[in-house]
Amino acid sequence: RGLRLLASSCPQNRTYYAAAQVMEDGVGKEVFAIVCKVLW
């Protein structure tokens, strides 16, 4: 099991957004958003 990123963006190094797909035995499942506040 794991995660695969389909796309990500970090405009102005302030906030990171990503579409992450849940993977199980090599099969893609749900895709959800990850959000990170960023200090750079």
PDB file of all heavy atoms in Angstrom:
ATOM      1  N   ARG A   1       0.830  -1.191   0.000  1.00  0.00           N
ATOM      2  CA  ARG A   1       0.000   0.000   0.000  1.00  0.00           C
ATOM      3  C   ARG A   1       0.869   1.248   0.000  1.00  0.00           C
ATOM      4  O   ARG A   1       2.015   1.224   0.433  1.00  0.00           O
ATOM      5  CB  ARG A   1      -0.927   0.005   1.217  1.00  0.00           C
ATOM      6  CG  ARG A   1      -1.904  -1.164   1.231  1.00  0.00           C
ATOM      7  CD  ARG A   1      -2.766  -1.171   2.465  1.00  0.00           C
ATOM      8  NE  ARG A   1      -3.688  -2.305   2.449  1.00  0.00           N
ATOM      9  CZ  ARG A   1      -4.486  -2.633   3.447  1.00  0.00           C
ATOM     10  NH1 ARG A   1      -4.481  -1.906   4.567  1.00  0.00           N
ATOM     11  NH2 ARG A   1      -5.291  -3.673   3.348  1.00  0.00           N
ATOM     12  N   GLY A   2       0.296   2.323  -0.492  1.00  0.00           N
ATOM     13  CA  GLY A   2       1.056   3.562  -0.519  1.00  0.00           C
ATOM     14  C   GLY A   2       0.293   4.686  -1.180  1.00  0.00           C
ATOM     15  O   GLY A   2      -0.925   4.624  -1.354  1.00  0.00           O
ATOM     16  N   LEU A   3       1.024   5.720  -1.541  1.00  0.00           N
ATOM     17  CA  LEU A   3       0.453   6.890  -2.205  1.00  0.00           C
ATOM     18  C   LEU A   3       1.245   7.196  -3.465  1.00  0.00           C
ATOM     19  O   LEU A   3       2.470   7.023  -3.500  1.00  0.00           O
ATOM     20  CB  LEU A   3       0.498   8.130  -1.300  1.00  0.00           C
ATOM     21  CG  LEU A   3      -0.496   8.240  -0.151  1.00  0.00           C
ATOM     22  CD1 LEU A   3      -0.290   9.568   0.569  1.00  0.00           C
ATOM     23  CD2 LEU A   3      -1.933   8.112  -0.646  1.00  0.00           C
ATOM     24  N   ARG A   4       0.529   7.665  -4.470  1.00  0.00           N
ATOM     25  CA  ARG A   4       1.154   8.137  -5.710  1.00  0.00           C
ATOM     26  C   ARG A   4       0.622   9.534  -5.989  1.00  0.00           C
ATOM     27  O   ARG A   4      -0.585   9.761  -5.963  1.00  0.00           O
ATOM     28  CB  ARG A   4       0.807   7.205  -6.871  1.00  0.00           C
ATOM     29  CG  ARG A   4       1.404   7.669  -8.200  1.00  0.00           C
ATOM     30  CD  ARG A   4       1.066   6.709  -9.317  1.00  0.00           C
ATOM     31  NE  ARG A   4      -0.364   6.694  -9.634  1.00  0.00           N
ATOM     32  CZ  ARG A   4      -0.857   6.358 -10.818  1.00  0.00           C
ATOM     33  NH1 ARG A   4      -0.050   5.986 -11.801  1.00  0.00           N
ATOM     34  NH2 ARG A   4      -2.158   6.355 -11.027  1.00  0.00           N
ATOM     35  N   LEU A   5       1.520  10.485  -6.228  1.00  0.00           N
ATOM     36  CA  LEU A   5       1.087  11.846  -6.530  1.00  0.00           C
ATOM     37  C   LEU A   5       0.780  11.967  -8.019  1.00  0.00           C
ATOM     38  O   LEU A   5       1.600  11.616  -8.865  1.00  0.00           O
ATOM     39  CB  LEU A   5       2.160  12.862  -6.149  1.00  0.00           C
ATOM     40  CG  LEU A   5       2.394  13.095  -4.662  1.00  0.00           C
ATOM     41  CD1 LEU A   5       3.250  14.326  -4.455  1.00  0.00           C
ATOM     42  CD2 LEU A   5       1.089  13.245  -3.900  1.00  0.00           C
ATOM     43  N   LEU A   6      -0.402  12.481  -8.319  1.00  0.00           N
ATOM     44  CA  LEU A   6      -0.787  12.702  -9.714  1.00  0.00           C
ATOM     45  C   LEU A   6      -0.435  14.102 -10.180  1.00  0.00           C
ATOM     46  O   LEU A   6      -0.184  14.320 -11.363  1.00  0.00           O
ATOM     47  CB  LEU A   6      -2.296  12.459  -9.869  1.00  0.00           C
ATOM     48  CG  LEU A   6      -2.808  11.091  -9.427  1.00  0.00           C
ATOM     49  CD1 LEU A   6      -4.301  10.980  -9.700  1.00  0.00           C
ATOM     50  CD2 LEU A   6      -2.056   9.977 -10.125  1.00  0.00           C
ATOM     51  N   ALA A   7      -0.443  15.055  -9.251  1.00  0.00           N
ATOM     52  CA  ALA A   7      -0.086  16.432  -9.582  1.00  0.00           C
ATOM     53  C   ALA A   7       0.133  17.188  -8.283  1.00  0.00           C
ATOM     54  O   ALA A   7      -0.440  16.846  -7.244  1.00  0.00           O
ATOM     55  CB  ALA A   7      -1.196  17.106 -10.393  1.00  0.00           C
ATOM     56  N   SER A   8       0.983  18.212  -8.338  1.00  0.00           N
ATOM     57  CA  SER A   8       1.212  19.036  -7.156  1.00  0.00           C
ATOM     58  C   SER A   8       1.606  20.444  -7.579  1.00  0.00           C
ATOM     59  O   SER A   8       2.024  20.677  -8.718  1.00  0.00           O
ATOM     60  CB  SER A   8       2.297  18.438  -6.259  1.00  0.00           C
ATOM     61  OG  SER A   8       3.560  18.488  -6.905  1.00  0.00           O
ATOM     62  N   SER A   9       1.470  21.368  -6.642  1.00  0.00           N
ATOM     63  CA  SER A   9       1.811  22.763  -6.902  1.00  0.00           C
ATOM     64  C   SER A   9       2.146  23.428  -5.574  1.00  0.00           C
ATOM     65  O   SER A   9       1.552  23.095  -4.542  1.00  0.00           O
ATOM     66  CB  SER A   9       0.631  23.488  -7.573  1.00  0.00           C
ATOM     67  OG  SER A   9       0.915  24.850  -7.784  1.00  0.00           O
ATOM     68  N   CYS A  10       3.093  24.354  -5.610  1.00  0.00           N
ATOM     69  CA  CYS A  10       3.459  25.084  -4.392  1.00  0.00           C
ATOM     70  C   CYS A  10       3.705  26.544  -4.761  1.00  0.00           C
ATOM     71  O   CYS A  10       4.851  27.019  -4.758  1.00  0.00           O
ATOM     72  CB  CYS A  10       4.691  24.465  -3.738  1.00  0.00           C
ATOM     73  SG  CYS A  10       5.026  25.097  -2.074  1.00  0.00           S
ATOM     74  N   PRO A  11       2.644  27.292  -5.113  1.00  0.00           N
ATOM     75  CA  PRO A  11       2.805  28.665  -5.558  1.00  0.00           C
ATOM     76  C   PRO A  11       3.445  29.555  -4.503  1.00  0.00           C
ATOM     77  O   PRO A  11       3.030  29.549  -3.345  1.00  0.00           O
ATOM     78  CB  PRO A  11       1.363  29.109  -5.872  1.00  0.00           C
ATOM     79  CG  PRO A  11       0.488  28.144  -5.157  1.00  0.00           C
ATOM     80  CD  PRO A  11       1.236  26.872  -5.087  1.00  0.00           C
ATOM     81  N   GLN A  12       4.488  30.269  -4.922  1.00  0.00           N
ATOM     82  CA  GLN A  12       5.214  31.216  -4.078  1.00  0.00           C
ATOM     83  C   GLN A  12       5.785  30.582  -2.808  1.00  0.00           C
ATOM     84  O   GLN A  12       6.101  31.275  -1.845  1.00  0.00           O
ATOM     85  CB  GLN A  12       4.307  32.397  -3.707  1.00  0.00           C
ATOM     86  CG  GLN A  12       3.816  33.154  -4.936  1.00  0.00           C
ATOM     87  CD  GLN A  12       2.899  34.310  -4.574  1.00  0.00           C
ATOM     88  OE1 GLN A  12       2.135  34.246  -3.610  1.00  0.00           O
ATOM     89  NE2 GLN A  12       2.961  35.374  -5.353  1.00  0.00           N
ATOM     90  N   ASN A  13       5.926  29.259  -2.814  1.00  0.00           N
ATOM     91  CA  ASN A  13       6.489  28.539  -1.656  1.00  0.00           C
ATOM     92  C   ASN A  13       5.742  28.852  -0.365  1.00  0.00           C
ATOM     93  O   ASN A  13       6.350  28.910   0.718  1.00  0.00           O
ATOM     94  CB  ASN A  13       7.979  28.868  -1.491  1.00  0.00           C
ATOM     95  CG  ASN A  13       8.833  28.184  -2.528  1.00  0.00           C
ATOM     96  OD1 ASN A  13       8.642  27.013  -2.826  1.00  0.00           O
ATOM     97  ND2 ASN A  13       9.775  28.914  -3.100  1.00  0.00           N
ATOM     98  N   ARG A  14       4.425  29.034  -0.474  1.00  0.00           N
ATOM     99  CA  ARG A  14       3.623  29.346   0.713  1.00  0.00           C
ATOM    100  C   ARG A  14       2.653  28.230   1.078  1.00  0.00           C
ATOM    101  O   ARG A  14       2.473  27.927   2.252  1.00  0.00           O
ATOM    102  CB  ARG A  14       2.853  30.650   0.495  1.00  0.00           C
ATOM    103  CG  ARG A  14       3.751  31.878   0.426  1.00  0.00           C
ATOM    104  CD  ARG A  14       2.936  33.131   0.267  1.00  0.00           C
ATOM    105  NE  ARG A  14       3.782  34.304   0.232  1.00  0.00           N
ATOM    106  CZ  ARG A  14       3.332  35.536   0.039  1.00  0.00           C
ATOM    107  NH1 ARG A  14       2.032  35.748  -0.135  1.00  0.00           N
ATOM    108  NH2 ARG A  14       4.174  36.567   0.016  1.00  0.00           N
ATOM    109  N   THR A  15       2.021  27.649   0.067  1.00  0.00           N
ATOM    110  CA  THR A  15       1.082  26.562   0.310  1.00  0.00           C
ATOM    111  C   THR A  15       1.277  25.487  -0.751  1.00  0.00           C
ATOM    112  O   THR A  15       1.367  25.801  -1.933  1.00  0.00           O
ATOM    113  CB  THR A  15      -0.379  27.052   0.273  1.00  0.00           C
ATOM    114  OG1 THR A  15      -0.525  28.174   1.139  1.00  0.00           O
ATOM    115  CG2 THR A  15      -1.325  25.952   0.736  1.00  0.00           C
ATOM    116  N   TYR A  16       1.336  24.256  -0.302  1.00  0.00           N
ATOM    117  CA  TYR A  16       1.535  23.110  -1.194  1.00  0.00           C
ATOM    118  C   TYR A  16       0.199  22.385  -1.340  1.00  0.00           C
ATOM    119  O   TYR A  16      -0.487  22.100  -0.347  1.00  0.00           O
ATOM    120  CB  TYR A  16       2.584  22.193  -0.586  1.00  0.00           C
ATOM    121  CG  TYR A  16       2.785  20.859  -1.270  1.00  0.00           C
ATOM    122  CD1 TYR A  16       3.698  20.714  -2.304  1.00  0.00           C
ATOM    123  CD2 TYR A  16       2.085  19.725  -0.837  1.00  0.00           C
ATOM    124  CE1 TYR A  16       3.914  19.471  -2.904  1.00  0.00           C
ATOM    125  CE2 TYR A  16       2.291  18.490  -1.432  1.00  0.00           C
ATOM    126  CZ  TYR A  16       3.207  18.371  -2.466  1.00  0.00           C
ATOM    127  OH  TYR A  16       3.415  17.148  -3.051  1.00  0.00           O
ATOM    128  N   TYR A  17      -0.177  22.115  -2.589  1.00  0.00           N
ATOM    129  CA  TYR A  17      -1.393  21.358  -2.886  1.00  0.00           C
ATOM    130  C   TYR A  17      -1.013  20.154  -3.735  1.00  0.00           C
ATOM    131  O   TYR A  17      -0.184  20.265  -4.642  1.00  0.00           O
ATOM    132  CB  TYR A  17      -2.390  22.214  -3.674  1.00  0.00           C
ATOM    133  CG  TYR A  17      -2.860  23.458  -2.956  1.00  0.00           C
ATOM    134  CD1 TYR A  17      -2.280  24.687  -3.210  1.00  0.00           C
ATOM    135  CD2 TYR A  17      -3.902  23.402  -2.032  1.00  0.00           C
ATOM    136  CE1 TYR A  17      -2.716  25.836  -2.554  1.00  0.00           C
ATOM    137  CE2 TYR A  17      -4.348  24.541  -1.378  1.00  0.00           C
ATOM    138  CZ  TYR A  17      -3.748  25.759  -1.644  1.00  0.00           C
ATOM    139  OH  TYR A  17      -4.176  26.894  -0.999  1.00  0.00           O
ATOM    140  N   ALA A  18      -1.633  19.007  -3.459  1.00  0.00           N
ATOM    141  CA  ALA A  18      -1.342  17.814  -4.258  1.00  0.00           C
ATOM    142  C   ALA A  18      -2.574  16.930  -4.363  1.00  0.00           C
ATOM    143  O   ALA A  18      -3.408  16.880  -3.450  1.00  0.00           O
ATOM    144  CB  ALA A  18      -0.191  17.024  -3.649  1.00  0.00           C
ATOM    145  N   ALA A  19      -2.686  16.247  -5.497  1.00  0.00           N
ATOM    146  CA  ALA A  19      -3.694  15.195  -5.683  1.00  0.00           C
ATOM    147  C   ALA A  19      -2.977  13.878  -5.481  1.00  0.00           C
ATOM    148  O   ALA A  19      -2.069  13.524  -6.241  1.00  0.00           O
ATOM    149  CB  ALA A  19      -4.293  15.269  -7.077  1.00  0.00           C
ATOM    150  N   ALA A  20      -3.357  13.157  -4.412  1.00  0.00           N
ATOM    151  CA  ALA A  20      -2.677  11.911  -4.051  1.00  0.00           C
ATOM    152  C   ALA A  20      -3.620  10.730  -4.243  1.00  0.00           C
ATOM    153  O   ALA A  20      -4.768  10.755  -3.789  1.00  0.00           O
ATOM    154  CB  ALA A  20      -2.214  11.967  -2.600  1.00  0.00           C
ATOM    155  N   GLN A  21      -3.126   9.716  -4.920  1.00  0.00           N
ATOM    156  CA  GLN A  21      -3.937   8.520  -5.164  1.00  0.00           C
ATOM    157  C   GLN A  21      -3.496   7.381  -4.242  1.00  0.00           C
ATOM    158  O   GLN A  21      -2.316   7.070  -4.138  1.00  0.00           O
ATOM    159  CB  GLN A  21      -3.814   8.075  -6.613  1.00  0.00           C
ATOM    160  CG  GLN A  21      -4.720   6.888  -6.955  1.00  0.00           C
ATOM    161  CD  GLN A  21      -4.738   6.597  -8.446  1.00  0.00           C
ATOM    162  OE1 GLN A  21      -3.727   6.676  -9.121  1.00  0.00           O
ATOM    163  NE2 GLN A  21      -5.920   6.254  -8.948  1.00  0.00           N
ATOM    164  N   VAL A  22      -4.482   6.808  -3.575  1.00  0.00           N
ATOM    165  CA  VAL A  22      -4.215   5.647  -2.721  1.00  0.00           C
ATOM    166  C   VAL A  22      -3.944   4.441  -3.618  1.00  0.00           C
ATOM    167  O   VAL A  22      -4.708   4.160  -4.554  1.00  0.00           O
ATOM    168  CB  VAL A  22      -5.429   5.360  -1.805  1.00  0.00           C
ATOM    169  CG1 VAL A  22      -5.195   4.088  -0.994  1.00  0.00           C
ATOM    170  CG2 VAL A  22      -5.688   6.547  -0.884  1.00  0.00           C
ATOM    171  N   MET A  23      -2.852   3.727  -3.351  1.00  0.00           N
ATOM    172  CA  MET A  23      -2.475   2.560  -4.141  1.00  0.00           C
ATOM    173  C   MET A  23      -2.530   1.307  -3.280  1.00  0.00           C
ATOM    174  O   MET A  23      -2.042   1.297  -2.143  1.00  0.00           O
ATOM    175  CB  MET A  23      -1.063   2.732  -4.700  1.00  0.00           C
ATOM    176  CG  MET A  23      -0.872   3.969  -5.564  1.00  0.00           C
ATOM    177  SD  MET A  23      -1.866   3.936  -7.081  1.00  0.00           S
ATOM    178  CE  MET A  23      -1.079   2.562  -7.951  1.00  0.00           C
ATOM    179  N   GLU A  24      -3.125   0.246  -3.812  1.00  0.00           N
ATOM    180  CA  GLU A  24      -3.162  -1.046  -3.132  1.00  0.00           C
ATOM    181  C   GLU A  24      -2.782  -2.137  -4.124  1.00  0.00           C
ATOM    182  O   GLU A  24      -3.491  -2.346  -5.116  1.00  0.00           O
ATOM    183  CB  GLU A  24      -4.552  -1.322  -2.547  1.00  0.00           C
ATOM    184  CG  GLU A  24      -4.937  -0.398  -1.407  1.00  0.00           C
ATOM    185  CD  GLU A  24      -6.257  -0.788  -0.758  1.00  0.00           C
ATOM    186  OE1 GLU A  24      -6.779  -1.875  -1.106  1.00  0.00           O
ATOM    187  OE2 GLU A  24      -6.775  -0.008   0.062  1.00  0.00           O
ATOM    188  N   ASP A  25      -1.652  -2.784  -3.867  1.00  0.00           N
ATOM    189  CA  ASP A  25      -1.150  -3.849  -4.751  1.00  0.00           C
ATOM    190  C   ASP A  25      -1.088  -3.378  -6.200  1.00  0.00           C
ATOM    191  O   ASP A  25      -1.462  -4.110  -7.128  1.00  0.00           O
ATOM    192  CB  ASP A  25      -2.015  -5.103  -4.631  1.00  0.00           C
ATOM    193  CG  ASP A  25      -1.861  -5.763  -3.265  1.00  0.00           C
ATOM    194  OD1 ASP A  25      -0.752  -5.704  -2.696  1.00  0.00           O
ATOM    195  OD2 ASP A  25      -2.853  -6.317  -2.758  1.00  0.00           O
ATOM    196  N   GLY A  26      -0.626  -2.150  -6.391  1.00  0.00           N
ATOM    197  CA  GLY A  26      -0.450  -1.605  -7.732  1.00  0.00           C
ATOM    198  C   GLY A  26      -1.711  -1.086  -8.393  1.00  0.00           C
ATOM    199  O   GLY A  26      -1.672  -0.646  -9.537  1.00  0.00           O
ATOM    200  N   VAL A  27      -2.838  -1.144  -7.687  1.00  0.00           N
ATOM    201  CA  VAL A  27      -4.110  -0.678  -8.240  1.00  0.00           C
ATOM    202  C   VAL A  27      -4.465   0.676  -7.627  1.00  0.00           C
ATOM    203  O   VAL A  27      -4.469   0.837  -6.401  1.00  0.00           O
ATOM    204  CB  VAL A  27      -5.242  -1.688  -7.965  1.00  0.00           C
ATOM    205  CG1 VAL A  27      -6.566  -1.157  -8.515  1.00  0.00           C
ATOM    206  CG2 VAL A  27      -4.905  -3.035  -8.574  1.00  0.00           C
ATOM    207  N   GLY A  28      -4.783   1.642  -8.482  1.00  0.00           N
ATOM    208  CA  GLY A  28      -5.136   2.972  -8.002  1.00  0.00           C
ATOM    209  C   GLY A  28      -6.538   3.017  -7.435  1.00  0.00           C
ATOM    210  O   GLY A  28      -7.481   2.512  -8.044  1.00  0.00           O
ATOM    211  N   LYS A  29      -6.678   3.643  -6.270  1.00  0.00           N
ATOM    212  CA  LYS A  29      -7.980   3.775  -5.608  1.00  0.00           C
ATOM    213  C   LYS A  29      -8.372   5.260  -5.590  1.00  0.00           C
ATOM    214  O   LYS A  29      -8.185   5.958  -6.558  1.00  0.00           O
ATOM    215  CB  LYS A  29      -7.899   3.205  -4.189  1.00  0.00           C
ATOM    216  CG  LYS A  29      -7.464   1.738  -4.143  1.00  0.00           C
ATOM    217  CD  LYS A  29      -8.520   0.804  -4.725  1.00  0.00           C
ATOM    218  CE  LYS A  29      -8.132  -0.652  -4.562  1.00  0.00           C
ATOM    219  NZ  LYS A  29      -9.151  -1.588  -5.078  1.00  0.00           N
ATOM    220  N   GLU A  30      -8.926   5.702  -4.478  1.00  0.00           N
ATOM    221  CA  GLU A  30      -9.409   7.076  -4.373  1.00  0.00           C
ATOM    222  C   GLU A  30      -8.281   8.091  -4.534  1.00  0.00           C
ATOM    223  O   GLU A  30      -7.121   7.801  -4.255  1.00  0.00           O
ATOM    224  CB  GLU A  30     -10.094   7.298  -3.025  1.00  0.00           C
ATOM    225  CG  GLU A  30      -9.125   7.233  -1.836  1.00  0.00           C
ATOM    226  CD  GLU A  30      -9.759   7.672  -0.541  1.00  0.00           C
ATOM    227  OE1 GLU A  30     -10.349   8.759  -0.496  1.00  0.00           O
ATOM    228  OE2 GLU A  30      -9.662   6.909   0.434  1.00  0.00           O
ATOM    229  N   VAL A  31      -8.662   9.278  -4.983  1.00  0.00           N
ATOM    230  CA  VAL A  31      -7.718  10.388  -5.102  1.00  0.00           C
ATOM    231  C   VAL A  31      -8.221  11.512  -4.199  1.00  0.00           C
ATOM    232  O   VAL A  31      -9.365  11.961  -4.324  1.00  0.00           O
ATOM    233  CB  VAL A  31      -7.613  10.898  -6.552  1.00  0.00           C
ATOM    234  CG1 VAL A  31      -6.614  12.049  -6.633  1.00  0.00           C
ATOM    235  CG2 VAL A  31      -7.214   9.760  -7.488  1.00  0.00           C
ATOM    236  N   PHE A  32      -7.368  11.958  -3.287  1.00  0.00           N
ATOM    237  CA  PHE A  32      -7.746  13.019  -2.350  1.00  0.00           C
ATOM    238  C   PHE A  32      -6.692  14.120  -2.376  1.00  0.00           C
ATOM    239  O   PHE A  32      -5.610  13.957  -2.945  1.00  0.00           O
ATOM    240  CB  PHE A  32      -7.916  12.458  -0.935  1.00  0.00           C
ATOM    241  CG  PHE A  32      -6.631  11.963  -0.310  1.00  0.00           C
ATOM    242  CD1 PHE A  32      -5.901  12.774   0.542  1.00  0.00           C
ATOM    243  CD2 PHE A  32      -6.150  10.684  -0.598  1.00  0.00           C
ATOM    244  CE1 PHE A  32      -4.712  12.326   1.105  1.00  0.00           C
ATOM    245  CE2 PHE A  32      -4.968  10.222  -0.034  1.00  0.00           C
ATOM    246  CZ  PHE A  32      -4.239  11.045   0.824  1.00  0.00           C
ATOM    247  N   ALA A  33      -7.013  15.242  -1.752  1.00  0.00           N
ATOM    248  CA  ALA A  33      -6.096  16.386  -1.762  1.00  0.00           C
ATOM    249  C   ALA A  33      -5.281  16.449  -0.484  1.00  0.00           C
ATOM    250  O   ALA A  33      -5.798  16.246   0.617  1.00  0.00           O
ATOM    251  CB  ALA A  33      -6.877  17.674  -1.942  1.00  0.00           C
ATOM    252  N   ILE A  34      -4.008  16.750  -0.649  1.00  0.00           N
ATOM    253  CA  ILE A  34      -3.109  17.038   0.468  1.00  0.00           C
ATOM    254  C   ILE A  34      -2.821  18.535   0.431  1.00  0.00           C
ATOM    255  O   ILE A  34      -2.587  19.112  -0.634  1.00  0.00           O
ATOM    256  CB  ILE A  34      -1.791  16.251   0.353  1.00  0.00           C
ATOM    257  CG1 ILE A  34      -2.052  14.746   0.490  1.00  0.00           C
ATOM    258  CG2 ILE A  34      -0.790  16.716   1.402  1.00  0.00           C
ATOM    259  CD1 ILE A  34      -0.825  13.892   0.215  1.00  0.00           C
ATOM    260  N   VAL A  35      -2.839  19.160   1.594  1.00  0.00           N
ATOM    261  CA  VAL A  35      -2.556  20.599   1.703  1.00  0.00           C
ATOM    262  C   VAL A  35      -1.496  20.787   2.784  1.00  0.00           C
ATOM    263  O   VAL A  35      -1.631  20.244   3.888  1.00  0.00           O
ATOM    264  CB  VAL A  35      -3.823  21.393   2.071  1.00  0.00           C
ATOM    265  CG1 VAL A  35      -3.503  22.887   2.160  1.00  0.00           C
ATOM    266  CG2 VAL A  35      -4.933  21.138   1.061  1.00  0.00           C
ATOM    267  N   CYS A  36      -0.456  21.539   2.472  1.00  0.00           N
ATOM    268  CA  CYS A  36       0.583  21.837   3.463  1.00  0.00           C
ATOM    269  C   CYS A  36       0.825  23.332   3.528  1.00  0.00           C
ATOM    270  O   CYS A  36       1.033  23.980   2.494  1.00  0.00           O
ATOM    271  CB  CYS A  36       1.911  21.159   3.111  1.00  0.00           C
ATOM    272  SG  CYS A  36       1.872  19.372   3.104  1.00  0.00           S
ATOM    273  N   LYS A  37       0.802  23.864   4.725  1.00  0.00           N
ATOM    274  CA  LYS A  37       1.298  25.228   4.920  1.00  0.00           C
ATOM    275  C   LYS A  37       2.817  25.137   4.879  1.00  0.00           C
ATOM    276  O   LYS A  37       3.408  24.213   5.452  1.00  0.00           O
ATOM    277  CB  LYS A  37       0.809  25.779   6.251  1.00  0.00           C
ATOM    278  CG  LYS A  37      -0.704  25.908   6.330  1.00  0.00           C
ATOM    279  CD  LYS A  37      -1.167  26.373   7.687  1.00  0.00           C
ATOM    280  CE  LYS A  37      -0.799  27.822   7.946  1.00  0.00           C
ATOM    281  NZ  LYS A  37      -1.436  28.330   9.202  1.00  0.00           N
ATOM    282  N   VAL A  38       3.456  26.069   4.195  1.00  0.00           N
ATOM    283  CA  VAL A  38       4.901  25.970   3.959  1.00  0.00           C
ATOM    284  C   VAL A  38       5.630  27.202   4.481  1.00  0.00           C
ATOM    285  O   VAL A  38       5.176  28.339   4.309  1.00  0.00           O
ATOM    286  CB  VAL A  38       5.184  25.793   2.451  1.00  0.00           C
ATOM    287  CG1 VAL A  38       6.684  25.886   2.161  1.00  0.00           C
ATOM    288  CG2 VAL A  38       4.634  24.462   1.960  1.00  0.00           C
ATOM    289  N   LEU A  39       6.752  26.956   5.123  1.00  0.00           N
ATOM    290  CA  LEU A  39       7.702  27.999   5.496  1.00  0.00           C
ATOM    291  C   LEU A  39       8.944  27.778   4.650  1.00  0.00           C
ATOM    292  O   LEU A  39       9.531  26.693   4.684  1.00  0.00           O
ATOM    293  CB  LEU A  39       8.056  27.892   6.982  1.00  0.00           C
ATOM    294  CG  LEU A  39       9.281  28.696   7.451  1.00  0.00           C
ATOM    295  CD1 LEU A  39       8.977  30.196   7.404  1.00  0.00           C
ATOM    296  CD2 LEU A  39       9.679  28.293   8.858  1.00  0.00           C
ATOM    297  N   TRP A  40       9.332  28.784   3.872  1.00  0.00           N
ATOM    298  CA  TRP A  40      10.513  28.645   3.019  1.00  0.00           C
ATOM    299  C   TRP A  40      11.366  29.889   3.162  1.00  0.00           C
ATOM    300  O   TRP A  40      11.001  30.964   2.702  1.00  0.00           O
ATOM    301  CB  TRP A  40      10.098  28.425   1.571  1.00  0.00           C
ATOM    302  CG  TRP A  40      11.247  28.246   0.606  1.00  0.00           C
ATOM    303  CD1 TRP A  40      11.633  29.095  -0.394  1.00  0.00           C
ATOM    304  CD2 TRP A  40      12.163  27.143   0.558  1.00  0.00           C
ATOM    305  NE1 TRP A  40      12.718  28.594  -1.058  1.00  0.00           N
ATOM    306  CE2 TRP A  40      13.069  27.391  -0.495  1.00  0.00           C
ATOM    307  CE3 TRP A  40      12.297  25.971   1.300  1.00  0.00           C
ATOM    308  CZ2 TRP A  40      14.095  26.515  -0.826  1.00  0.00           C
ATOM    309  CZ3 TRP A  40      13.326  25.092   0.969  1.00  0.00           C
ATOM    310  CH2 TRP A  40      14.209  25.364  -0.080  1.00  0.00           C
TER     311      TRP A  40
END
